[in-house]
Amino acid sequence: MTAVELTPPEAARWAARAGLVLPAERHAAVAAVANHIHGVVAVLRELDFADVPPAAAYRAGQEPHDATV
């Protein structure tokens, strides 16, 4: 995650730019959630999927049934 996080006034500005009505008491909560989502996405971008086949290669009906727990 970058050192610059979304501030409540910026969250309000982006909401207004998107045409969304965002009450003043929600600015901080929206900024916090946006910063959390940004952090999660940053972690996902660091994952190495080099040896994972694309989703189109998966066939659910062809998986062996295994009752082992």
PDB file of N, CA and C in Angstrom:
ATOM      1  N   MET A   1       0.844  -1.163   0.000  1.00  0.00           N
ATOM      2  CA  MET A   1       0.000   0.000   0.000  1.00  0.00           C
ATOM      3  C   MET A   1       0.894   1.231   0.000  1.00  0.00           C
ATOM      4  N   THR A   2       0.459   2.243  -0.682  1.00  0.00           N
ATOM      5  CA  THR A   2       1.253   3.460  -0.738  1.00  0.00           C
ATOM      6  C   THR A   2       1.147   4.212   0.584  1.00  0.00           C
ATOM      7  N   ALA A   3       2.075   5.132   0.786  1.00  0.00           N
ATOM      8  CA  ALA A   3       2.081   5.922   2.014  1.00  0.00           C
ATOM      9  C   ALA A   3       0.922   6.919   2.034  1.00  0.00           C
ATOM     10  N   VAL A   4       0.384   7.268   0.893  1.00  0.00           N
ATOM     11  CA  VAL A   4      -0.707   8.236   0.810  1.00  0.00           C
ATOM     12  C   VAL A   4      -2.035   7.481   0.842  1.00  0.00           C
ATOM     13  N   GLU A   5      -2.822   7.753   1.873  1.00  0.00           N
ATOM     14  CA  GLU A   5      -4.123   7.108   2.004  1.00  0.00           C
ATOM     15  C   GLU A   5      -5.228   8.107   1.699  1.00  0.00           C
ATOM     16  N   LEU A   6      -6.375   7.588   1.349  1.00  0.00           N
ATOM     17  CA  LEU A   6      -7.537   8.414   1.061  1.00  0.00           C
ATOM     18  C   LEU A   6      -8.024   9.061   2.359  1.00  0.00           C
ATOM     19  N   THR A   7      -8.218  10.353   2.322  1.00  0.00           N
ATOM     20  CA  THR A   7      -8.712  11.079   3.494  1.00  0.00           C
ATOM     21  C   THR A   7     -10.225  11.233   3.388  1.00  0.00           C
ATOM     22  N   PRO A   8     -10.899  11.504   4.505  1.00  0.00           N
ATOM     23  CA  PRO A   8     -12.347  11.709   4.443  1.00  0.00           C
ATOM     24  C   PRO A   8     -12.780  12.802   3.464  1.00  0.00           C
ATOM     25  N   PRO A   9     -12.095  13.960   3.402  1.00  0.00           N
ATOM     26  CA  PRO A   9     -12.512  14.955   2.406  1.00  0.00           C
ATOM     27  C   PRO A   9     -12.338  14.450   0.962  1.00  0.00           C
ATOM     28  N   GLU A  10     -11.288  13.677   0.729  1.00  0.00           N
ATOM     29  CA  GLU A  10     -11.103  13.125  -0.614  1.00  0.00           C
ATOM     30  C   GLU A  10     -12.195  12.112  -0.944  1.00  0.00           C
ATOM     31  N   ALA A  11     -12.597  11.311   0.047  1.00  0.00           N
ATOM     32  CA  ALA A  11     -13.689  10.355  -0.163  1.00  0.00           C
ATOM     33  C   ALA A  11     -14.966  11.094  -0.546  1.00  0.00           C
ATOM     34  N   ALA A  12     -15.225  12.216   0.128  1.00  0.00           N
ATOM     35  CA  ALA A  12     -16.405  13.018  -0.188  1.00  0.00           C
ATOM     36  C   ALA A  12     -16.313  13.583  -1.598  1.00  0.00           C
ATOM     37  N   ARG A  13     -15.125  14.041  -1.965  1.00  0.00           N
ATOM     38  CA  ARG A  13     -14.935  14.614  -3.304  1.00  0.00           C
ATOM     39  C   ARG A  13     -15.151  13.560  -4.384  1.00  0.00           C
ATOM     40  N   TRP A  14     -14.585  12.347  -4.181  1.00  0.00           N
ATOM     41  CA  TRP A  14     -14.750  11.278  -5.171  1.00  0.00           C
ATOM     42  C   TRP A  14     -16.198  10.815  -5.253  1.00  0.00           C
ATOM     43  N   ALA A  15     -16.885  10.764  -4.111  1.00  0.00           N
ATOM     44  CA  ALA A  15     -18.303  10.386  -4.127  1.00  0.00           C
ATOM     45  C   ALA A  15     -19.115  11.409  -4.913  1.00  0.00           C
ATOM     46  N   ALA A  16     -18.866  12.687  -4.668  1.00  0.00           N
ATOM     47  CA  ALA A  16     -19.583  13.737  -5.396  1.00  0.00           C
ATOM     48  C   ALA A  16     -19.272  13.665  -6.884  1.00  0.00           C
ATOM     49  N   ARG A  17     -18.019  13.386  -7.211  1.00  0.00           N
ATOM     50  CA  ARG A  17     -17.626  13.288  -8.626  1.00  0.00           C
ATOM     51  C   ARG A  17     -18.350  12.144  -9.322  1.00  0.00           C
ATOM     52  N   ALA A  18     -18.623  11.063  -8.556  1.00  0.00           N
ATOM     53  CA  ALA A  18     -19.340   9.914  -9.113  1.00  0.00           C
ATOM     54  C   ALA A  18     -20.854  10.107  -9.091  1.00  0.00           C
ATOM     55  N   GLY A  19     -21.298  11.240  -8.551  1.00  0.00           N
ATOM     56  CA  GLY A  19     -22.730  11.521  -8.509  1.00  0.00           C
ATOM     57  C   GLY A  19     -23.431  10.872  -7.320  1.00  0.00           C
ATOM     58  N   LEU A  20     -22.659  10.477  -6.294  1.00  0.00           N
ATOM     59  CA  LEU A  20     -23.234   9.838  -5.118  1.00  0.00           C
ATOM     60  C   LEU A  20     -23.406  10.845  -3.995  1.00  0.00           C
ATOM     61  N   VAL A  21     -24.519  10.738  -3.308  1.00  0.00           N
ATOM     62  CA  VAL A  21     -24.759  11.588  -2.146  1.00  0.00           C
ATOM     63  C   VAL A  21     -24.147  10.876  -0.944  1.00  0.00           C
ATOM     64  N   LEU A  22     -23.167  11.501  -0.316  1.00  0.00           N
ATOM     65  CA  LEU A  22     -22.480  10.912   0.828  1.00  0.00           C
ATOM     66  C   LEU A  22     -22.604  11.863   2.012  1.00  0.00           C
ATOM     67  N   PRO A  23     -23.416  11.459   3.016  1.00  0.00           N
ATOM     68  CA  PRO A  23     -23.565  12.330   4.192  1.00  0.00           C
ATOM     69  C   PRO A  23     -22.223  12.550   4.890  1.00  0.00           C
ATOM     70  N   ALA A  24     -22.065  13.699   5.502  1.00  0.00           N
ATOM     71  CA  ALA A  24     -20.799  14.081   6.134  1.00  0.00           C
ATOM     72  C   ALA A  24     -20.345  13.071   7.182  1.00  0.00           C
ATOM     73  N   GLU A  25     -21.285  12.471   7.904  1.00  0.00           N
ATOM     74  CA  GLU A  25     -20.896  11.521   8.943  1.00  0.00           C
ATOM     75  C   GLU A  25     -20.363  10.199   8.370  1.00  0.00           C
ATOM     76  N   ARG A  26     -20.478   9.993   7.077  1.00  0.00           N
ATOM     77  CA  ARG A  26     -20.001   8.762   6.439  1.00  0.00           C
ATOM     78  C   ARG A  26     -18.627   8.930   5.784  1.00  0.00           C
ATOM     79  N   HIS A  27     -18.131  10.142   5.676  1.00  0.00           N
ATOM     80  CA  HIS A  27     -16.862  10.388   4.980  1.00  0.00           C
ATOM     81  C   HIS A  27     -15.719   9.564   5.567  1.00  0.00           C
ATOM     82  N   ALA A  28     -15.570   9.568   6.873  1.00  0.00           N
ATOM     83  CA  ALA A  28     -14.467   8.845   7.511  1.00  0.00           C
ATOM     84  C   ALA A  28     -14.607   7.339   7.316  1.00  0.00           C
ATOM     85  N   ALA A  29     -15.815   6.823   7.451  1.00  0.00           N
ATOM     86  CA  ALA A  29     -16.031   5.378   7.288  1.00  0.00           C
ATOM     87  C   ALA A  29     -15.736   4.937   5.857  1.00  0.00           C
ATOM     88  N   VAL A  30     -16.180   5.715   4.886  1.00  0.00           N
ATOM     89  CA  VAL A  30     -15.932   5.378   3.486  1.00  0.00           C
ATOM     90  C   VAL A  30     -14.440   5.423   3.177  1.00  0.00           C
ATOM     91  N   ALA A  31     -13.747   6.416   3.702  1.00  0.00           N
ATOM     92  CA  ALA A  31     -12.303   6.505   3.489  1.00  0.00           C
ATOM     93  C   ALA A  31     -11.592   5.309   4.111  1.00  0.00           C
ATOM     94  N   ALA A  32     -12.003   4.901   5.308  1.00  0.00           N
ATOM     95  CA  ALA A  32     -11.382   3.755   5.971  1.00  0.00           C
ATOM     96  C   ALA A  32     -11.600   2.470   5.178  1.00  0.00           C
ATOM     97  N   VAL A  33     -12.805   2.261   4.671  1.00  0.00           N
ATOM     98  CA  VAL A  33     -13.093   1.059   3.885  1.00  0.00           C
ATOM     99  C   VAL A  33     -12.308   1.077   2.576  1.00  0.00           C
ATOM    100  N   ALA A  34     -12.248   2.226   1.933  1.00  0.00           N
ATOM    101  CA  ALA A  34     -11.487   2.330   0.681  1.00  0.00           C
ATOM    102  C   ALA A  34     -10.012   2.037   0.920  1.00  0.00           C
ATOM    103  N   ASN A  35      -9.467   2.522   2.015  1.00  0.00           N
ATOM    104  CA  ASN A  35      -8.063   2.248   2.337  1.00  0.00           C
ATOM    105  C   ASN A  35      -7.846   0.765   2.628  1.00  0.00           C
ATOM    106  N   HIS A  36      -8.795   0.127   3.292  1.00  0.00           N
ATOM    107  CA  HIS A  36      -8.688  -1.304   3.572  1.00  0.00           C
ATOM    108  C   HIS A  36      -8.717  -2.109   2.270  1.00  0.00           C
ATOM    109  N   ILE A  37      -9.660  -1.777   1.395  1.00  0.00           N
ATOM    110  CA  ILE A  37      -9.760  -2.473   0.109  1.00  0.00           C
ATOM    111  C   ILE A  37      -8.474  -2.282  -0.686  1.00  0.00           C
ATOM    112  N   HIS A  38      -7.941  -1.089  -0.673  1.00  0.00           N
ATOM    113  CA  HIS A  38      -6.688  -0.817  -1.382  1.00  0.00           C
ATOM    114  C   HIS A  38      -5.562  -1.691  -0.831  1.00  0.00           C
ATOM    115  N   GLY A  39      -5.529  -1.859   0.482  1.00  0.00           N
ATOM    116  CA  GLY A  39      -4.512  -2.705   1.102  1.00  0.00           C
ATOM    117  C   GLY A  39      -4.653  -4.167   0.716  1.00  0.00           C
ATOM    118  N   VAL A  40      -5.883  -4.661   0.667  1.00  0.00           N
ATOM    119  CA  VAL A  40      -6.126  -6.051   0.277  1.00  0.00           C
ATOM    120  C   VAL A  40      -5.729  -6.276  -1.177  1.00  0.00           C
ATOM    121  N   VAL A  41      -6.093  -5.363  -2.037  1.00  0.00           N
ATOM    122  CA  VAL A  41      -5.736  -5.475  -3.449  1.00  0.00           C
ATOM    123  C   VAL A  41      -4.218  -5.438  -3.624  1.00  0.00           C
ATOM    124  N   ALA A  42      -3.540  -4.620  -2.852  1.00  0.00           N
ATOM    125  CA  ALA A  42      -2.079  -4.549  -2.925  1.00  0.00           C
ATOM    126  C   ALA A  42      -1.452  -5.892  -2.567  1.00  0.00           C
ATOM    127  N   VAL A  43      -2.002  -6.563  -1.555  1.00  0.00           N
ATOM    128  CA  VAL A  43      -1.490  -7.889  -1.177  1.00  0.00           C
ATOM    129  C   VAL A  43      -1.766  -8.899  -2.287  1.00  0.00           C
ATOM    130  N   LEU A  44      -2.949  -8.861  -2.871  1.00  0.00           N
ATOM    131  CA  LEU A  44      -3.286  -9.793  -3.951  1.00  0.00           C
ATOM    132  C   LEU A  44      -2.373  -9.599  -5.159  1.00  0.00           C
ATOM    133  N   ARG A  45      -1.994  -8.364  -5.428  1.00  0.00           N
ATOM    134  CA  ARG A  45      -1.101  -8.095  -6.559  1.00  0.00           C
ATOM    135  C   ARG A  45       0.285  -8.688  -6.352  1.00  0.00           C
ATOM    136  N   GLU A  46       0.672  -8.918  -5.104  1.00  0.00           N
ATOM    137  CA  GLU A  46       1.986  -9.480  -4.807  1.00  0.00           C
ATOM    138  C   GLU A  46       2.032 -10.997  -4.940  1.00  0.00           C
ATOM    139  N   LEU A  47       0.878 -11.661  -5.031  1.00  0.00           N
ATOM    140  CA  LEU A  47       0.853 -13.114  -5.122  1.00  0.00           C
ATOM    141  C   LEU A  47       1.392 -13.589  -6.465  1.00  0.00           C
ATOM    142  N   ASP A  48       2.089 -14.712  -6.424  1.00  0.00           N
ATOM    143  CA  ASP A  48       2.663 -15.296  -7.637  1.00  0.00           C
ATOM    144  C   ASP A  48       1.758 -16.428  -8.114  1.00  0.00           C
ATOM    145  N   PHE A  49       1.104 -16.241  -9.226  1.00  0.00           N
ATOM    146  CA  PHE A  49       0.213 -17.243  -9.794  1.00  0.00           C
ATOM    147  C   PHE A  49       0.824 -17.927 -11.012  1.00  0.00           C
ATOM    148  N   ALA A  50       2.142 -17.944 -11.096  1.00  0.00           N
ATOM    149  CA  ALA A  50       2.827 -18.468 -12.276  1.00  0.00           C
ATOM    150  C   ALA A  50       2.468 -19.917 -12.576  1.00  0.00           C
ATOM    151  N   ASP A  51       2.308 -20.758 -11.557  1.00  0.00           N
ATOM    152  CA  ASP A  51       2.048 -22.170 -11.806  1.00  0.00           C
ATOM    153  C   ASP A  51       0.572 -22.546 -11.665  1.00  0.00           C
ATOM    154  N   VAL A  52      -0.308 -21.576 -11.554  1.00  0.00           N
ATOM    155  CA  VAL A  52      -1.734 -21.837 -11.428  1.00  0.00           C
ATOM    156  C   VAL A  52      -2.381 -21.729 -12.810  1.00  0.00           C
ATOM    157  N   PRO A  53      -3.092 -22.792 -13.240  1.00  0.00           N
ATOM    158  CA  PRO A  53      -3.739 -22.715 -14.549  1.00  0.00           C
ATOM    159  C   PRO A  53      -4.896 -21.720 -14.531  1.00  0.00           C
ATOM    160  N   PRO A  54      -5.248 -21.191 -15.682  1.00  0.00           N
ATOM    161  CA  PRO A  54      -6.371 -20.246 -15.738  1.00  0.00           C
ATOM    162  C   PRO A  54      -7.681 -20.936 -15.349  1.00  0.00           C
ATOM    163  N   ALA A  55      -8.649 -20.176 -14.928  1.00  0.00           N
ATOM    164  CA  ALA A  55      -9.931 -20.723 -14.473  1.00  0.00           C
ATOM    165  C   ALA A  55     -10.602 -21.567 -15.562  1.00  0.00           C
ATOM    166  N   ALA A  56     -10.406 -21.228 -16.816  1.00  0.00           N
ATOM    167  CA  ALA A  56     -11.027 -21.981 -17.906  1.00  0.00           C
ATOM    168  C   ALA A  56     -10.523 -23.421 -17.960  1.00  0.00           C
ATOM    169  N   ALA A  57      -9.378 -23.713 -17.354  1.00  0.00           N
ATOM    170  CA  ALA A  57      -8.829 -25.070 -17.371  1.00  0.00           C
ATOM    171  C   ALA A  57      -9.483 -25.963 -16.322  1.00  0.00           C
ATOM    172  N   TYR A  58     -10.218 -25.393 -15.389  1.00  0.00           N
ATOM    173  CA  TYR A  58     -10.839 -26.166 -14.315  1.00  0.00           C
ATOM    174  C   TYR A  58     -12.168 -26.730 -14.771  1.00  0.00           C
ATOM    175  N   ARG A  59     -12.379 -28.018 -14.540  1.00  0.00           N
ATOM    176  CA  ARG A  59     -13.636 -28.690 -14.886  1.00  0.00           C
ATOM    177  C   ARG A  59     -14.197 -29.323 -13.626  1.00  0.00           C
ATOM    178  N   ALA A  60     -15.234 -28.728 -13.068  1.00  0.00           N
ATOM    179  CA  ALA A  60     -15.783 -29.166 -11.785  1.00  0.00           C
ATOM    180  C   ALA A  60     -16.294 -30.604 -11.842  1.00  0.00           C
ATOM    181  N   GLY A  61     -16.893 -31.003 -12.906  1.00  0.00           N
ATOM    182  CA  GLY A  61     -17.445 -32.352 -13.012  1.00  0.00           C
ATOM    183  C   GLY A  61     -16.394 -33.430 -13.115  1.00  0.00           C
ATOM    184  N   GLN A  62     -15.173 -33.091 -13.408  1.00  0.00           N
ATOM    185  CA  GLN A  62     -14.112 -34.070 -13.611  1.00  0.00           C
ATOM    186  C   GLN A  62     -13.241 -34.259 -12.377  1.00  0.00           C
ATOM    187  N   GLU A  63     -13.581 -33.590 -11.282  1.00  0.00           N
ATOM    188  CA  GLU A  63     -12.799 -33.731 -10.058  1.00  0.00           C
ATOM    189  C   GLU A  63     -13.114 -35.075  -9.410  1.00  0.00           C
ATOM    190  N   PRO A  64     -12.087 -35.787  -8.926  1.00  0.00           N
ATOM    191  CA  PRO A  64     -12.359 -37.067  -8.237  1.00  0.00           C
ATOM    192  C   PRO A  64     -13.051 -36.801  -6.897  1.00  0.00           C
ATOM    193  N   HIS A  65     -13.992 -37.669  -6.554  1.00  0.00           N
ATOM    194  CA  HIS A  65     -14.681 -37.551  -5.279  1.00  0.00           C
ATOM    195  C   HIS A  65     -13.809 -38.213  -4.217  1.00  0.00           C
ATOM    196  N   ASP A  66     -13.533 -37.493  -3.144  1.00  0.00           N
ATOM    197  CA  ASP A  66     -12.698 -37.998  -2.078  1.00  0.00           C
ATOM    198  C   ASP A  66     -13.366 -37.656  -0.756  1.00  0.00           C
ATOM    199  N   ALA A  67     -13.721 -38.701  -0.009  1.00  0.00           N
ATOM    200  CA  ALA A  67     -14.437 -38.491   1.245  1.00  0.00           C
ATOM    201  C   ALA A  67     -13.490 -38.325   2.416  1.00  0.00           C
ATOM    202  N   THR A  68     -12.190 -38.284   2.160  1.00  0.00           N
ATOM    203  CA  THR A  68     -11.233 -38.139   3.231  1.00  0.00           C
ATOM    204  C   THR A  68     -11.330 -36.754   3.843  1.00  0.00           C
ATOM    205  N   VAL A  69     -11.341 -36.717   5.140  1.00  0.00           N
ATOM    206  CA  VAL A  69     -11.415 -35.426   5.833  1.00  0.00           C
ATOM    207  C   VAL A  69     -10.088 -35.112   6.464  1.00  0.00           C
TER     208      VAL A  69
END
